[in-house]
Amino acid sequence: MRLRAITAVAALVTALGTTVHAEAEAHPAPGSVVTLGAGGFDFADPEVVATGLDVSWGLDFLPDGSALVAQRDLGTVLRIRPGQPPVQVAQIPGVVASGEAGLLGLAVSPRYRLDRWVYVCFTTASDIRITRFRLNAPQTQQVIISGIARASFHDGGRIAFGPDGLLYAGIGDAGVPANAQRLSSRNGKILRIRPNGAIPADNPFPGSPVYSYGHRNVQGLAWDPRGRLFATEFGQNTWDEVNVIVRGGNYGWPIVEGPSTDPRFRAPVVVWPPAQASPSGATFANGTLFVAALRGARLWTIPVSATGTVGTPVAELVGAYGRLRTVELAPDGSLWVATSNRDGNGTPVPTDDRILRFTTGERQPPPAGRAGSHAAVPAQP
């Protein structure tokens, strides 16, 4: 009941018009006091760390603080360092891009200093698959999981390592909603696998990579400091969602969309109309869940207490940079945000797509599971 009340309040606030801080292109006058936005970041004065990208999608960091970025339609991985031009470090073989499909999620192994693995999720001509490779031999791809039904839309594709050192993947329903309720299908699910693709013994359905089900199109995965998994999900016509993911949970699609009192399903903790969200990437920092919104062209900031209570969402960067695909917390505590204006649905400017870097002036601990972090106890191999 408490979560439904929070959801109702959040929906009412967004419907009536969320209070928004100063847009990011408004720079403070010299000597003025900078007012930090929700979550403690200065959204008025970003550093542009990369321009001219082509549908930047997956993004993760190497231990030295540089970023790896996947370009969806080109099937390439770039290495990005502030103050330097991007450098292509990999061309992923077999990527077939169409519609929303292509090279999607990217995750750096939490044991990268030891194993050097980089993971990618992408669509081929016949399936969705996850592979891993090393930067010194990018054409040598080791398949982790394959054979998942693909489509031009609703492929999901976000991958991330959890605090347990295991790899999680948001997989869309590939345009067949009924698959989300079928445990025999891996579509419409969040999957959980070992780094080598093996199925963990403590997964909720023996012998299956399925961790949760009843999803339409999950494109954001983020853990709070207590290890709770939050996922963003595209709705169909009425409600986009943020869900707290529990082992074996059923999130209702396609039977329900958004809030539900049906005891068979887990209710979302936040909902928005699709015009205000279409939520993709997500990350945690400073007690706040950050969600990049595509159609909504904004960055949602959602306070989450230590006990898991979810507060009222506040929008930042509304319309300032167009469609936002990905948000990630860097090892130095800065917040990196990738635009997605060249994805066929935006109105790009000559510098798109861009990656923006926002700071607080204080170093933040890396999220659990991040490469170079000592917070996680990574699984092997």
Protein backbone atom coordinates (compact mmCIF):
# COMPACT_ATOMS: atom_id res chain seq x y z
CA MET A 1 0.00 0.00 0.00
CA ARG A 2 2.86 2.38 0.80
CA LEU A 3 4.41 1.81 -2.65
CA ARG A 4 1.07 2.41 -4.36
CA ALA A 5 0.73 5.68 -2.48
CA ILE A 6 4.23 6.74 -3.54
CA THR A 7 3.43 5.78 -7.13
CA ALA A 8 0.20 7.77 -7.07
CA VAL A 9 1.96 10.83 -5.69
CA ALA A 10 4.76 10.55 -8.26
CA ALA A 11 2.28 10.21 -11.11
CA LEU A 12 0.25 13.18 -9.87
CA VAL A 13 3.35 15.35 -9.56
CA THR A 14 4.53 14.51 -13.07
CA ALA A 15 1.05 14.98 -14.52
CA LEU A 16 0.68 18.42 -12.98
CA GLY A 17 4.19 19.51 -13.96
CA THR A 18 7.29 18.53 -12.03
CA THR A 19 9.41 21.28 -10.51
CA VAL A 20 12.53 21.52 -12.65
CA HIS A 21 15.84 23.14 -11.78
CA ALA A 22 17.66 25.50 -14.14
CA GLU A 23 18.28 23.99 -17.56
CA ALA A 24 21.83 22.83 -18.25
CA GLU A 25 22.61 25.47 -20.86
CA ALA A 26 22.10 28.32 -18.40
CA HIS A 27 25.57 29.14 -17.03
CA PRO A 28 25.92 30.98 -13.71
CA ALA A 29 27.35 34.49 -13.69
CA PRO A 30 30.96 34.83 -12.47
CA GLY A 31 31.09 34.94 -8.69
CA SER A 32 27.55 33.66 -8.29
CA VAL A 33 26.58 30.78 -6.02
CA VAL A 34 26.01 27.55 -7.92
CA THR A 35 22.76 25.84 -6.98
CA LEU A 36 23.20 22.09 -7.24
CA GLY A 37 20.43 20.03 -8.74
CA ALA A 38 18.76 16.97 -7.33
CA GLY A 39 21.30 14.37 -6.29
CA GLY A 40 23.94 17.03 -5.66
CA PHE A 41 25.24 17.53 -9.22
CA ASP A 42 25.79 20.83 -11.00
CA PHE A 43 23.52 20.44 -14.03
CA ALA A 44 24.12 23.99 -15.25
CA ASP A 45 27.71 23.60 -16.40
CA PRO A 46 28.60 20.21 -17.93
CA GLU A 47 31.84 19.24 -19.60
CA VAL A 48 31.24 17.87 -23.10
CA VAL A 49 33.61 14.90 -23.27
CA ALA A 50 32.62 13.63 -26.73
CA THR A 51 30.68 14.85 -29.77
CA GLY A 52 29.75 13.44 -33.16
CA LEU A 53 28.89 9.96 -31.87
CA ASP A 54 26.36 7.71 -33.59
CA VAL A 55 23.66 6.49 -31.20
CA SER A 56 25.84 5.99 -28.13
CA TRP A 57 24.17 3.17 -26.15
CA GLY A 58 26.14 1.04 -23.68
CA LEU A 59 28.73 2.82 -21.52
CA ASP A 60 31.02 1.58 -18.78
CA PHE A 61 34.38 2.53 -17.28
CA LEU A 62 37.82 0.97 -17.23
CA PRO A 63 39.85 1.10 -14.00
CA ASP A 64 41.86 4.09 -15.30
CA GLY A 65 38.68 6.18 -15.53
CA SER A 66 38.35 6.15 -19.32
CA ALA A 67 35.01 5.05 -20.75
CA LEU A 68 34.06 2.45 -23.31
CA VAL A 69 31.02 3.42 -25.38
CA ALA A 70 29.04 1.23 -27.78
CA GLN A 71 27.64 2.82 -30.95
CA ARG A 72 24.41 1.03 -31.78
CA ASP A 73 24.15 1.29 -35.56
CA LEU A 74 27.86 1.16 -36.41
CA GLY A 75 28.61 -1.81 -34.15
CA THR A 76 31.76 -0.12 -32.84
CA VAL A 77 33.22 0.46 -29.38
CA LEU A 78 35.00 3.73 -28.62
CA ARG A 79 37.36 4.59 -25.80
CA ILE A 80 36.75 8.08 -24.44
CA ARG A 81 38.91 10.21 -22.18
CA PRO A 82 38.00 13.80 -21.25
CA GLY A 83 40.03 16.27 -23.28
CA GLN A 84 40.95 13.73 -25.96
CA PRO A 85 39.19 12.63 -29.16
CA PRO A 86 37.40 9.26 -29.06
CA VAL A 87 39.39 6.26 -30.29
CA GLN A 88 37.77 3.21 -31.87
CA VAL A 89 38.97 0.10 -30.04
CA ALA A 90 36.65 -2.59 -31.42
CA GLN A 91 34.34 -3.47 -34.30
CA ILE A 92 31.97 -6.14 -33.04
CA PRO A 93 31.54 -8.87 -35.67
CA GLY A 94 28.03 -10.02 -36.50
CA VAL A 95 26.11 -6.91 -35.37
CA VAL A 96 23.00 -6.32 -37.49
CA ALA A 97 21.27 -3.02 -36.73
CA SER A 98 17.69 -2.12 -37.66
CA GLY A 99 15.14 -0.01 -35.84
CA GLU A 100 16.07 -0.22 -32.14
CA ALA A 101 18.37 -3.21 -32.68
CA GLY A 102 22.16 -3.23 -33.02
CA LEU A 103 25.06 -2.99 -30.59
CA LEU A 104 23.34 -2.29 -27.28
CA GLY A 105 24.67 -2.89 -23.76
CA LEU A 106 28.29 -2.88 -22.67
CA ALA A 107 29.78 -3.89 -19.32
CA VAL A 108 33.36 -4.05 -18.06
CA SER A 109 34.23 -7.05 -15.92
CA PRO A 110 34.47 -6.18 -12.20
CA ARG A 111 37.66 -8.30 -12.29
CA TYR A 112 39.02 -6.37 -15.26
CA ARG A 113 42.46 -5.82 -13.73
CA LEU A 114 42.83 -9.61 -13.67
CA ASP A 115 40.76 -10.95 -16.58
CA ARG A 116 40.56 -7.98 -19.05
CA TRP A 117 37.07 -8.97 -20.26
CA VAL A 118 34.62 -6.53 -21.85
CA TYR A 119 31.03 -7.73 -22.39
CA VAL A 120 28.58 -6.58 -25.10
CA CYS A 121 24.95 -7.36 -25.90
CA PHE A 122 23.83 -7.07 -29.51
CA THR A 123 21.50 -8.31 -32.22
CA THR A 124 22.70 -10.48 -35.09
CA ALA A 125 20.65 -11.40 -38.15
CA SER A 126 18.96 -14.15 -36.14
CA ASP A 127 19.23 -13.55 -32.39
CA ILE A 128 20.17 -11.46 -29.37
CA ARG A 129 23.45 -12.54 -27.83
CA ILE A 130 26.02 -11.54 -25.24
CA THR A 131 29.70 -12.02 -25.97
CA ARG A 132 32.95 -11.04 -24.30
CA PHE A 133 36.31 -9.99 -25.70
CA ARG A 134 39.58 -8.37 -24.74
CA LEU A 135 40.70 -5.02 -26.08
CA ASN A 136 43.94 -6.51 -27.39
CA ALA A 137 41.99 -9.00 -29.53
CA PRO A 138 38.51 -7.53 -30.19
CA GLN A 139 37.74 -9.81 -33.15
CA THR A 140 38.01 -12.87 -30.91
CA GLN A 141 34.55 -13.00 -29.37
CA GLN A 142 33.55 -15.59 -26.78
CA VAL A 143 29.79 -16.24 -26.82
CA ILE A 144 28.25 -16.11 -23.33
CA ILE A 145 24.59 -16.56 -24.23
CA SER A 146 22.82 -16.67 -27.60
CA GLY A 147 19.68 -17.82 -29.37
CA ILE A 148 17.39 -15.21 -27.77
CA ALA A 149 14.65 -14.03 -30.14
CA ARG A 150 15.39 -10.62 -31.68
CA ALA A 151 13.24 -8.04 -33.43
CA SER A 152 13.64 -4.52 -34.77
CA PHE A 153 12.01 -3.26 -31.55
CA HIS A 154 11.79 -4.28 -27.88
CA ASP A 155 15.15 -6.03 -27.62
CA GLY A 156 16.07 -4.49 -24.27
CA GLY A 157 19.84 -4.94 -24.25
CA ARG A 158 21.15 -3.35 -21.05
CA ILE A 159 23.75 -5.47 -19.25
CA ALA A 160 25.44 -4.81 -15.91
CA PHE A 161 27.33 -6.65 -13.21
CA GLY A 162 25.62 -6.81 -9.85
CA PRO A 163 27.16 -6.64 -6.38
CA ASP A 164 27.28 -10.45 -6.45
CA GLY A 165 29.67 -10.36 -9.42
CA LEU A 166 27.08 -11.93 -11.71
CA LEU A 167 25.95 -10.51 -15.05
CA TYR A 168 22.38 -9.25 -15.40
CA ALA A 169 20.67 -8.54 -18.74
CA GLY A 170 17.40 -6.78 -19.51
CA ILE A 171 15.81 -8.56 -22.50
CA GLY A 172 12.71 -7.19 -24.23
CA ASP A 173 9.70 -9.16 -25.39
CA ALA A 174 10.83 -8.76 -29.06
CA GLY A 175 7.30 -7.71 -30.02
CA VAL A 176 5.65 -10.91 -28.72
CA PRO A 177 4.07 -9.82 -25.40
CA ALA A 178 2.96 -13.32 -24.42
CA ASN A 179 6.60 -14.42 -24.17
CA ALA A 180 7.05 -12.21 -21.10
CA GLN A 181 4.87 -14.63 -19.09
CA ARG A 182 6.38 -17.82 -20.52
CA LEU A 183 9.24 -19.08 -18.37
CA SER A 184 10.39 -21.20 -21.30
CA SER A 185 11.21 -17.99 -23.19
CA ARG A 186 14.11 -15.70 -22.32
CA ASN A 187 12.31 -12.68 -23.81
CA GLY A 188 10.53 -10.20 -21.57
CA LYS A 189 12.89 -11.11 -18.73
CA ILE A 190 15.81 -10.00 -16.62
CA LEU A 191 18.46 -12.71 -16.93
CA ARG A 192 21.18 -13.52 -14.38
CA ILE A 193 24.21 -15.55 -15.43
CA ARG A 194 27.77 -16.22 -14.36
CA PRO A 195 30.52 -14.30 -16.22
CA ASN A 196 31.21 -17.36 -18.40
CA GLY A 197 27.50 -17.84 -19.22
CA ALA A 198 26.80 -20.65 -16.75
CA ILE A 199 23.55 -20.55 -14.81
CA PRO A 200 23.92 -19.79 -11.08
CA ALA A 201 22.69 -22.55 -8.81
CA ASP A 202 20.63 -20.08 -6.76
CA ASN A 203 18.63 -18.68 -9.67
CA PRO A 204 14.88 -18.85 -8.92
CA PHE A 205 14.05 -21.30 -11.70
CA PRO A 206 16.43 -24.29 -11.74
CA GLY A 207 18.48 -24.55 -14.90
CA SER A 208 17.19 -21.24 -16.23
CA PRO A 209 18.91 -17.85 -16.59
CA VAL A 210 15.60 -16.11 -15.81
CA TYR A 211 15.76 -13.94 -12.69
CA SER A 212 12.48 -12.01 -13.09
CA TYR A 213 9.76 -12.00 -15.73
CA GLY A 214 6.66 -10.20 -16.99
CA HIS A 215 8.71 -7.35 -18.51
CA ARG A 216 8.02 -5.48 -21.74
CA ASN A 217 11.33 -3.76 -22.47
CA VAL A 218 13.90 -3.23 -19.72
CA GLN A 219 16.74 -0.85 -20.65
CA GLY A 220 18.04 0.26 -17.26
CA LEU A 221 19.60 -1.71 -14.38
CA ALA A 222 21.00 -0.11 -11.21
CA TRP A 223 21.72 -1.23 -7.66
CA ASP A 224 21.44 1.00 -4.60
CA PRO A 225 24.09 0.87 -1.82
CA ARG A 226 22.07 -1.83 -0.02
CA GLY A 227 22.16 -4.09 -3.08
CA ARG A 228 18.54 -3.58 -4.19
CA LEU A 229 18.11 -3.85 -7.96
CA PHE A 230 16.05 -1.17 -9.71
CA ALA A 231 15.02 -1.55 -13.37
CA THR A 232 13.48 0.91 -15.82
CA GLU A 233 10.87 -0.36 -18.24
CA PHE A 234 9.08 1.02 -21.28
CA GLY A 235 5.31 0.77 -21.09
CA GLN A 236 3.06 0.55 -24.13
CA ASN A 237 0.57 3.42 -24.14
CA THR A 238 -0.13 4.42 -20.56
CA TRP A 239 2.68 3.96 -18.03
CA ASP A 240 6.44 3.68 -18.05
CA GLU A 241 7.87 2.13 -14.90
CA VAL A 242 10.63 1.85 -12.35
CA ASN A 243 10.53 -1.50 -10.57
CA VAL A 244 12.38 -2.96 -7.61
CA ILE A 245 13.44 -6.38 -8.83
CA VAL A 246 13.12 -9.38 -6.56
CA ARG A 247 14.26 -12.93 -7.25
CA GLY A 248 11.57 -14.76 -9.23
CA GLY A 249 9.23 -11.76 -9.34
CA ASN A 250 6.48 -11.43 -11.96
CA TYR A 251 6.01 -7.81 -13.12
CA GLY A 252 2.77 -8.36 -14.97
CA TRP A 253 3.32 -7.58 -18.65
CA PRO A 254 1.23 -7.98 -20.80
CA ILE A 255 -1.59 -8.61 -18.34
CA VAL A 256 -1.05 -5.29 -16.58
CA GLU A 257 0.78 -2.08 -17.44
CA GLY A 258 1.71 0.24 -14.60
CA PRO A 259 0.05 0.11 -11.15
CA SER A 260 -1.87 -3.03 -10.26
CA THR A 261 -3.61 -4.48 -7.23
CA ASP A 262 -3.37 -8.02 -8.64
CA PRO A 263 -1.48 -10.02 -5.96
CA ARG A 264 0.21 -12.15 -8.63
CA PHE A 265 2.32 -9.22 -9.81
CA ARG A 266 4.88 -6.81 -8.38
CA ALA A 267 3.74 -3.19 -8.62
CA PRO A 268 6.11 -0.47 -9.87
CA VAL A 269 7.48 2.08 -7.41
CA VAL A 270 7.35 4.95 -9.94
CA VAL A 271 5.29 5.44 -13.09
CA TRP A 272 5.21 8.15 -15.75
CA PRO A 273 3.23 8.77 -18.92
CA PRO A 274 5.47 7.74 -21.86
CA ALA A 275 5.62 11.33 -23.15
CA GLN A 276 7.48 12.30 -19.97
CA ALA A 277 9.85 9.36 -19.86
CA SER A 278 10.51 6.38 -22.17
CA PRO A 279 13.17 5.46 -19.61
CA SER A 280 16.44 3.88 -20.67
CA GLY A 281 19.71 3.85 -18.69
CA ALA A 282 19.89 4.20 -14.90
CA THR A 283 22.47 4.58 -12.15
CA PHE A 284 22.70 5.39 -8.43
CA ALA A 285 24.61 8.22 -6.74
CA ASN A 286 24.14 10.24 -3.55
CA GLY A 287 21.00 8.39 -2.47
CA THR A 288 19.42 9.12 -5.85
CA LEU A 289 18.35 6.96 -8.76
CA PHE A 290 19.11 8.73 -12.04
CA VAL A 291 17.09 7.69 -15.11
CA ALA A 292 17.81 8.85 -18.67
CA ALA A 293 14.60 9.55 -20.61
CA LEU A 294 14.33 9.33 -24.39
CA ARG A 295 10.95 10.66 -25.44
CA GLY A 296 10.82 12.77 -22.27
CA ALA A 297 14.19 14.38 -23.18
CA ARG A 298 15.17 14.79 -19.54
CA LEU A 299 17.08 13.22 -16.68
CA TRP A 300 14.83 11.98 -13.91
CA THR A 301 16.20 12.06 -10.36
CA ILE A 302 14.46 9.87 -7.79
CA PRO A 303 15.44 9.96 -4.10
CA VAL A 304 15.71 6.54 -2.47
CA SER A 305 16.20 6.26 1.29
CA ALA A 306 18.44 3.78 3.06
CA THR A 307 15.33 1.73 3.86
CA GLY A 308 14.25 1.68 0.20
CA THR A 309 11.51 4.30 0.41
CA VAL A 310 11.12 5.98 -2.98
CA GLY A 311 10.48 9.72 -3.07
CA THR A 312 9.03 12.08 -5.64
CA PRO A 313 10.85 12.23 -9.00
CA VAL A 314 12.34 15.57 -10.07
CA ALA A 315 13.27 16.31 -13.69
CA GLU A 316 16.58 17.86 -14.73
CA LEU A 317 17.91 18.91 -18.18
CA VAL A 318 14.38 19.13 -19.58
CA GLY A 319 14.75 19.58 -23.34
CA ALA A 320 18.30 20.89 -22.96
CA TYR A 321 20.04 18.08 -24.85
CA GLY A 322 17.22 16.14 -26.48
CA ARG A 323 16.85 12.40 -26.03
CA LEU A 324 18.94 10.87 -23.25
CA ARG A 325 19.88 7.20 -23.54
CA THR A 326 22.41 6.36 -20.85
CA VAL A 327 23.55 7.68 -17.47
CA GLU A 328 26.47 6.19 -15.54
CA LEU A 329 28.47 7.07 -12.42
CA ALA A 330 32.19 7.30 -13.19
CA PRO A 331 34.90 6.10 -10.79
CA ASP A 332 35.79 9.73 -9.98
CA GLY A 333 32.22 10.47 -8.85
CA SER A 334 31.14 12.39 -11.94
CA LEU A 335 27.91 11.61 -13.76
CA TRP A 336 28.15 10.83 -17.49
CA VAL A 337 25.05 11.24 -19.68
CA ALA A 338 24.84 10.09 -23.32
CA THR A 339 22.38 11.59 -25.81
CA SER A 340 20.50 9.54 -28.42
CA ASN A 341 19.36 12.09 -30.99
CA ARG A 342 20.61 10.17 -34.04
CA ASP A 343 18.52 7.08 -33.31
CA GLY A 344 15.82 7.92 -35.86
CA ASN A 345 13.48 9.49 -33.34
CA GLY A 346 15.34 12.67 -32.39
CA THR A 347 16.26 16.01 -33.93
CA PRO A 348 20.06 16.02 -33.87
CA VAL A 349 22.24 19.11 -33.82
CA PRO A 350 25.63 19.05 -35.58
CA THR A 351 27.46 18.02 -32.39
CA ASP A 352 25.21 15.02 -31.66
CA ASP A 353 25.43 12.51 -30.29
CA ARG A 354 27.22 13.82 -27.22
CA ILE A 355 28.44 12.60 -23.87
CA LEU A 356 28.18 15.09 -21.01
CA ARG A 357 30.00 14.98 -17.70
CA PHE A 358 28.49 16.54 -14.55
CA THR A 359 30.33 16.97 -11.26
CA THR A 360 29.61 17.60 -7.61
CA GLY A 361 33.10 18.67 -6.61
CA GLU A 362 33.33 15.61 -4.35
CA ARG A 363 34.57 12.15 -5.20
CA GLN A 364 31.90 9.46 -4.83
CA PRO A 365 32.52 5.73 -4.33
CA PRO A 366 32.01 3.69 -7.52
CA PRO A 367 28.78 1.67 -7.68
CA ALA A 368 28.96 -1.93 -6.56
CA GLY A 369 30.29 -4.14 -9.30
CA ARG A 370 32.06 -1.35 -11.18
CA ALA A 371 35.45 -2.24 -12.64
CA GLY A 372 38.16 -1.40 -10.13
CA SER A 373 35.73 -1.31 -7.20
CA HIS A 374 36.48 -3.36 -4.11
CA ALA A 375 32.83 -3.32 -2.98
CA ALA A 376 31.81 -6.42 -4.92
CA VAL A 377 32.86 -10.00 -4.38
CA PRO A 378 32.97 -11.04 -8.03
CA ALA A 379 31.92 -14.46 -9.18
CA GLN A 380 34.40 -16.57 -11.11
CA PRO A 381 35.28 -17.36 -13.82
